Amino acid sequence: IIAIQAGILLNDPVINRKIKELAEYEANIN
């Protein structure tokens, strides 16, 4: 969770793509 909140600050395309994947497919609701 903390890595998501920090990673988005970099506006890095690879990190952003990974976060989008988590938003769509991650099983953990939080």
All heavy atoms as atom14 arrays in JSON, in Angstrom:
{
  "sequence": "IIAIQAGILLNDPVINRKIKELAEYEANIN",
  "atom14_mask": [
    [1, 1, 1, 1, 1, 1, 1, 1, 0, 0, 0, 0, 0, 0],
    [1, 1, 1, 1, 1, 1, 1, 1, 0, 0, 0, 0, 0, 0],
    [1, 1, 1, 1, 1, 0, 0, 0, 0, 0, 0, 0, 0, 0],
    [1, 1, 1, 1, 1, 1, 1, 1, 0, 0, 0, 0, 0, 0],
    [1, 1, 1, 1, 1, 1, 1, 1, 1, 0, 0, 0, 0, 0],
    [1, 1, 1, 1, 1, 0, 0, 0, 0, 0, 0, 0, 0, 0],
    [1, 1, 1, 1, 0, 0, 0, 0, 0, 0, 0, 0, 0, 0],
    [1, 1, 1, 1, 1, 1, 1, 1, 0, 0, 0, 0, 0, 0],
    [1, 1, 1, 1, 1, 1, 1, 1, 0, 0, 0, 0, 0, 0],
    [1, 1, 1, 1, 1, 1, 1, 1, 0, 0, 0, 0, 0, 0],
    [1, 1, 1, 1, 1, 1, 1, 1, 0, 0, 0, 0, 0, 0],
    [1, 1, 1, 1, 1, 1, 1, 1, 0, 0, 0, 0, 0, 0],
    [1, 1, 1, 1, 1, 1, 1, 0, 0, 0, 0, 0, 0, 0],
    [1, 1, 1, 1, 1, 1, 1, 0, 0, 0, 0, 0, 0, 0],
    [1, 1, 1, 1, 1, 1, 1, 1, 0, 0, 0, 0, 0, 0],
    [1, 1, 1, 1, 1, 1, 1, 1, 0, 0, 0, 0, 0, 0],
    [1, 1, 1, 1, 1, 1, 1, 1, 1, 1, 1, 0, 0, 0],
    [1, 1, 1, 1, 1, 1, 1, 1, 1, 0, 0, 0, 0, 0],
    [1, 1, 1, 1, 1, 1, 1, 1, 0, 0, 0, 0, 0, 0],
    [1, 1, 1, 1, 1, 1, 1, 1, 1, 0, 0, 0, 0, 0],
    [1, 1, 1, 1, 1, 1, 1, 1, 1, 0, 0, 0, 0, 0],
    [1, 1, 1, 1, 1, 1, 1, 1, 0, 0, 0, 0, 0, 0],
    [1, 1, 1, 1, 1, 0, 0, 0, 0, 0, 0, 0, 0, 0],
    [1, 1, 1, 1, 1, 1, 1, 1, 1, 0, 0, 0, 0, 0],
    [1, 1, 1, 1, 1, 1, 1, 1, 1, 1, 1, 1, 0, 0],
    [1, 1, 1, 1, 1, 1, 1, 1, 1, 0, 0, 0, 0, 0],
    [1, 1, 1, 1, 1, 0, 0, 0, 0, 0, 0, 0, 0, 0],
    [1, 1, 1, 1, 1, 1, 1, 1, 0, 0, 0, 0, 0, 0],
    [1, 1, 1, 1, 1, 1, 1, 1, 0, 0, 0, 0, 0, 0],
    [1, 1, 1, 1, 1, 1, 1, 1, 0, 0, 0, 0, 0, 0]
  ],
  "atom14_positions": [
    [[0.84, -1.21, 0.0], [0.0, 0.0, 0.0], [0.87, 1.25, 0.0], [0.63, 2.2, -0.77], [-0.96, -0.01, 1.22], [-2.08, -1.03, 0.98], [-1.54, 1.37, 1.47], [-2.96, -1.28, 2.18], [0.0, 0.0, 0.0], [0.0, 0.0, 0.0], [0.0, 0.0, 0.0], [0.0, 0.0, 0.0], [0.0, 0.0, 0.0], [0.0, 0.0, 0.0]],
    [[1.88, 1.27, 0.86], [2.78, 2.43, 0.92], [3.55, 2.59, -0.39], [3.77, 3.7, -0.87], [3.74, 2.3, 2.11], [2.95, 2.36, 3.42], [4.8, 3.4, 2.09], [3.77, 2.07, 4.66], [0.0, 0.0, 0.0], [0.0, 0.0, 0.0], [0.0, 0.0, 0.0], [0.0, 0.0, 0.0], [0.0, 0.0, 0.0], [0.0, 0.0, 0.0]],
    [[3.96, 1.45, -0.99], [4.68, 1.51, -2.27], [3.8, 2.08, -3.37], [4.27, 2.82, -4.25], [5.17, 0.12, -2.64], [0.0, 0.0, 0.0], [0.0, 0.0, 0.0], [0.0, 0.0, 0.0], [0.0, 0.0, 0.0], [0.0, 0.0, 0.0], [0.0, 0.0, 0.0], [0.0, 0.0, 0.0], [0.0, 0.0, 0.0], [0.0, 0.0, 0.0]],
    [[2.51, 1.76, -3.34], [1.57, 2.32, -4.32], [1.47, 3.83, -4.14], [1.54, 4.59, -5.11], [0.17, 1.67, -4.16], [0.21, 0.2, -4.59], [-0.88, 2.42, -4.97], [-1.04, -0.58, -4.21], [0.0, 0.0, 0.0], [0.0, 0.0, 0.0], [0.0, 0.0, 0.0], [0.0, 0.0, 0.0], [0.0, 0.0, 0.0], [0.0, 0.0, 0.0]],
    [[1.3, 4.25, -2.9], [1.13, 5.68, -2.61], [2.39, 6.48, -2.95], [2.29, 7.64, -3.39], [0.78, 5.86, -1.13], [-0.59, 5.28, -0.77], [-0.82, 5.2, 0.73], [0.14, 5.13, 1.51], [-2.07, 5.2, 1.16], [0.0, 0.0, 0.0], [0.0, 0.0, 0.0], [0.0, 0.0, 0.0], [0.0, 0.0, 0.0], [0.0, 0.0, 0.0]],
    [[3.55, 5.87, -2.76], [4.81, 6.56, -3.08], [5.1, 6.47, -4.58], [5.54, 7.44, -5.2], [5.96, 5.95, -2.29], [0.0, 0.0, 0.0], [0.0, 0.0, 0.0], [0.0, 0.0, 0.0], [0.0, 0.0, 0.0], [0.0, 0.0, 0.0], [0.0, 0.0, 0.0], [0.0, 0.0, 0.0], [0.0, 0.0, 0.0], [0.0, 0.0, 0.0]],
    [[4.87, 5.29, -5.16], [5.21, 5.07, -6.57], [4.47, 6.0, -7.52], [5.04, 6.47, -8.51], [0.0, 0.0, 0.0], [0.0, 0.0, 0.0], [0.0, 0.0, 0.0], [0.0, 0.0, 0.0], [0.0, 0.0, 0.0], [0.0, 0.0, 0.0], [0.0, 0.0, 0.0], [0.0, 0.0, 0.0], [0.0, 0.0, 0.0], [0.0, 0.0, 0.0]],
    [[3.21, 6.29, -7.21], [2.42, 7.14, -8.11], [2.99, 8.55, -8.19], [2.8, 9.27, -9.18], [0.95, 7.18, -7.64], [0.03, 7.65, -8.77], [0.8, 8.07, -6.42], [-0.13, 6.65, -9.89], [0.0, 0.0, 0.0], [0.0, 0.0, 0.0], [0.0, 0.0, 0.0], [0.0, 0.0, 0.0], [0.0, 0.0, 0.0], [0.0, 0.0, 0.0]],
    [[3.75, 8.96, -7.15], [4.33, 10.3, -7.13], [5.38, 10.5, -8.21], [5.65, 11.63, -8.61], [4.95, 10.58, -5.75], [4.0, 10.52, -4.55], [4.79, 10.68, -3.25], [2.93, 11.6, -4.66], [0.0, 0.0, 0.0], [0.0, 0.0, 0.0], [0.0, 0.0, 0.0], [0.0, 0.0, 0.0], [0.0, 0.0, 0.0], [0.0, 0.0, 0.0]],
    [[5.98, 9.4, -8.66], [7.05, 9.5, -9.66], [6.5, 9.66, -11.08], [7.24, 10.04, -12.0], [7.94, 8.26, -9.6], [8.74, 8.08, -8.31], [9.51, 6.76, -8.34], [9.69, 9.25, -8.1], [0.0, 0.0, 0.0], [0.0, 0.0, 0.0], [0.0, 0.0, 0.0], [0.0, 0.0, 0.0], [0.0, 0.0, 0.0], [0.0, 0.0, 0.0]],
    [[5.23, 9.33, -11.25], [4.61, 9.38, -12.59], [5.45, 8.61, -13.61], [5.65, 9.04, -14.75], [4.41, 10.83, -13.04], [3.37, 10.94, -14.14], [2.5, 10.07, -14.27], [3.48, 11.98, -14.95], [0.0, 0.0, 0.0], [0.0, 0.0, 0.0], [0.0, 0.0, 0.0], [0.0, 0.0, 0.0], [0.0, 0.0, 0.0], [0.0, 0.0, 0.0]],
    [[5.94, 7.45, -13.17], [6.75, 6.58, -14.0], [5.81, 5.64, -14.78], [4.94, 5.0, -14.19], [7.7, 5.76, -13.12], [8.55, 4.79, -13.91], [8.08, 3.65, -14.12], [9.65, 5.18, -14.31], [0.0, 0.0, 0.0], [0.0, 0.0, 0.0], [0.0, 0.0, 0.0], [0.0, 0.0, 0.0], [0.0, 0.0, 0.0], [0.0, 0.0, 0.0]],
    [[5.96, 5.53, -16.11], [5.01, 4.72, -16.91], [4.95, 3.25, -16.49], [3.87, 2.66, -16.48], [5.53, 4.86, -18.34], [6.93, 5.39, -18.23], [6.97, 6.19, -16.98], [0.0, 0.0, 0.0], [0.0, 0.0, 0.0], [0.0, 0.0, 0.0], [0.0, 0.0, 0.0], [0.0, 0.0, 0.0], [0.0, 0.0, 0.0], [0.0, 0.0, 0.0]],
    [[6.08, 2.67, -16.12], [6.09, 1.26, -15.73], [5.39, 1.08, -14.38], [4.57, 0.16, -14.2], [7.53, 0.71, -15.66], [7.53, -0.74, -15.19], [8.2, 0.82, -17.02], [0.0, 0.0, 0.0], [0.0, 0.0, 0.0], [0.0, 0.0, 0.0], [0.0, 0.0, 0.0], [0.0, 0.0, 0.0], [0.0, 0.0, 0.0], [0.0, 0.0, 0.0]],
    [[5.69, 1.95, -13.44], [5.04, 1.87, -12.13], [3.55, 2.14, -12.26], [2.71, 1.44, -11.67], [5.68, 2.86, -11.14], [7.11, 2.42, -10.8], [4.84, 2.99, -9.87], [7.85, 3.35, -9.86], [0.0, 0.0, 0.0], [0.0, 0.0, 0.0], [0.0, 0.0, 0.0], [0.0, 0.0, 0.0], [0.0, 0.0, 0.0], [0.0, 0.0, 0.0]],
    [[3.19, 3.14, -13.09], [1.77, 3.45, -13.27], [1.02, 2.27, -13.88], [-0.13, 1.99, -13.49], [1.61, 4.67, -14.18], [2.02, 5.96, -13.48], [2.31, 5.96, -12.28], [2.05, 7.05, -14.22], [0.0, 0.0, 0.0], [0.0, 0.0, 0.0], [0.0, 0.0, 0.0], [0.0, 0.0, 0.0], [0.0, 0.0, 0.0], [0.0, 0.0, 0.0]],
    [[1.66, 1.58, -14.81], [1.01, 0.42, -15.44], [0.8, -0.69, -14.41], [-0.25, -1.34, -14.39], [1.86, -0.08, -16.61], [1.2, -1.21, -17.38], [1.84, -1.42, -18.75], [3.26, -1.75, -18.66], [4.23, -0.93, -19.05], [3.94, 0.28, -19.54], [5.49, -1.29, -18.96], [0.0, 0.0, 0.0], [0.0, 0.0, 0.0], [0.0, 0.0, 0.0]],
    [[1.78, -0.89, -13.55], [1.65, -1.91, -12.51], [0.53, -1.56, -11.55], [-0.26, -2.43, -11.13], [2.98, -2.04, -11.76], [2.95, -3.04, -10.62], [2.66, -4.46, -11.1], [2.67, -5.45, -9.96], [2.33, -6.82, -10.39], [0.0, 0.0, 0.0], [0.0, 0.0, 0.0], [0.0, 0.0, 0.0], [0.0, 0.0, 0.0], [0.0, 0.0, 0.0]],
    [[0.42, -0.28, -11.19], [-0.65, 0.15, -10.28], [-2.02, -0.04, -10.93], [-2.98, -0.44, -10.27], [-0.43, 1.62, -9.85], [0.84, 1.73, -8.99], [-1.64, 2.15, -9.08], [1.21, 3.15, -8.62], [0.0, 0.0, 0.0], [0.0, 0.0, 0.0], [0.0, 0.0, 0.0], [0.0, 0.0, 0.0], [0.0, 0.0, 0.0], [0.0, 0.0, 0.0]],
    [[-2.11, 0.21, -12.23], [-3.38, -0.02, -12.94], [-3.75, -1.49, -12.92], [-4.94, -1.85, -12.79], [-3.25, 0.48, -14.39], [-3.25, 1.99, -14.52], [-3.06, 2.43, -15.96], [-2.98, 3.96, -16.05], [-2.71, 4.42, -17.45], [0.0, 0.0, 0.0], [0.0, 0.0, 0.0], [0.0, 0.0, 0.0], [0.0, 0.0, 0.0], [0.0, 0.0, 0.0]],
    [[-2.76, -2.36, -13.06], [-3.02, -3.8, -12.99], [-3.56, -4.18, -11.61], [-4.49, -4.99, -11.5], [-1.74, -4.58, -13.28], [-1.27, -4.5, -14.72], [0.07, -5.19, -14.93], [0.59, -5.78, -13.96], [0.61, -5.12, -16.05], [0.0, 0.0, 0.0], [0.0, 0.0, 0.0], [0.0, 0.0, 0.0], [0.0, 0.0, 0.0], [0.0, 0.0, 0.0]],
    [[-2.97, -3.59, -10.57], [-3.44, -3.87, -9.21], [-4.87, -3.37, -9.02], [-5.68, -4.01, -8.33], [-2.5, -3.22, -8.19], [-1.08, -3.78, -8.12], [-0.23, -2.94, -7.17], [-1.1, -5.23, -7.65], [0.0, 0.0, 0.0], [0.0, 0.0, 0.0], [0.0, 0.0, 0.0], [0.0, 0.0, 0.0], [0.0, 0.0, 0.0], [0.0, 0.0, 0.0]],
    [[-5.18, -2.23, -9.64], [-6.53, -1.67, -9.52], [-7.57, -2.54, -10.19], [-8.74, -2.56, -9.79], [-6.55, -0.26, -10.11], [0.0, 0.0, 0.0], [0.0, 0.0, 0.0], [0.0, 0.0, 0.0], [0.0, 0.0, 0.0], [0.0, 0.0, 0.0], [0.0, 0.0, 0.0], [0.0, 0.0, 0.0], [0.0, 0.0, 0.0], [0.0, 0.0, 0.0]],
    [[-7.15, -3.29, -11.2], [-8.09, -4.11, -11.95], [-8.16, -5.55, -11.47], [-9.24, -6.16, -11.43], [-7.72, -4.09, -13.44], [-7.91, -2.73, -14.1], [-7.48, -2.75, -15.56], [-7.25, -3.86, -16.11], [-7.37, -1.67, -16.16], [0.0, 0.0, 0.0], [0.0, 0.0, 0.0], [0.0, 0.0, 0.0], [0.0, 0.0, 0.0], [0.0, 0.0, 0.0]],
    [[-7.0, -6.12, -11.1], [-6.96, -7.57, -10.88], [-6.57, -8.01, -9.46], [-6.7, -9.19, -9.14], [-5.97, -8.2, -11.87], [-6.26, -7.86, -13.31], [-5.36, -7.08, -14.06], [-7.43, -8.28, -13.93], [-5.62, -6.76, -15.37], [-7.68, -7.96, -15.26], [-6.78, -7.2, -15.97], [-7.04, -6.88, -17.27], [0.0, 0.0, 0.0], [0.0, 0.0, 0.0]],
    [[-6.08, -7.11, -8.65], [-5.62, -7.51, -7.32], [-6.76, -8.1, -6.47], [-7.84, -7.51, -6.37], [-5.0, -6.31, -6.6], [-4.63, -6.54, -5.16], [-3.6, -7.64, -4.96], [-2.64, -7.72, -5.75], [-3.76, -8.41, -4.0], [0.0, 0.0, 0.0], [0.0, 0.0, 0.0], [0.0, 0.0, 0.0], [0.0, 0.0, 0.0], [0.0, 0.0, 0.0]],
    [[-6.49, -9.25, -5.85], [-7.51, -9.92, -5.04], [-7.72, -9.23, -3.7], [-8.84, -9.22, -3.16], [-7.12, -11.38, -4.81], [0.0, 0.0, 0.0], [0.0, 0.0, 0.0], [0.0, 0.0, 0.0], [0.0, 0.0, 0.0], [0.0, 0.0, 0.0], [0.0, 0.0, 0.0], [0.0, 0.0, 0.0], [0.0, 0.0, 0.0], [0.0, 0.0, 0.0]],
    [[-6.66, -8.65, -3.15], [-6.77, -7.98, -1.85], [-7.52, -6.67, -2.02], [-7.08, -5.75, -2.72], [-5.36, -7.73, -1.29], [-5.38, -7.15, 0.1], [-5.96, -6.11, 0.35], [-4.71, -7.83, 1.03], [0.0, 0.0, 0.0], [0.0, 0.0, 0.0], [0.0, 0.0, 0.0], [0.0, 0.0, 0.0], [0.0, 0.0, 0.0], [0.0, 0.0, 0.0]],
    [[-8.67, -6.56, -1.35], [-9.55, -5.41, -1.52], [-8.89, -4.1, -1.11], [-9.07, -3.06, -1.75], [-10.88, -5.61, -0.76], [-11.84, -4.46, -1.04], [-10.62, -5.74, 0.73], [-12.3, -4.38, -2.46], [0.0, 0.0, 0.0], [0.0, 0.0, 0.0], [0.0, 0.0, 0.0], [0.0, 0.0, 0.0], [0.0, 0.0, 0.0], [0.0, 0.0, 0.0]],
    [[-8.1, -4.11, -0.03], [-7.46, -2.87, 0.44], [-6.4, -2.37, -0.53], [-6.28, -1.17, -0.76], [-6.83, -3.1, 1.82], [-7.87, -3.29, 2.91], [-8.95, -2.69, 2.86], [-7.57, -4.13, 3.88], [0.0, 0.0, 0.0], [0.0, 0.0, 0.0], [0.0, 0.0, 0.0], [0.0, 0.0, 0.0], [0.0, 0.0, 0.0], [0.0, 0.0, 0.0]]
  ]
}
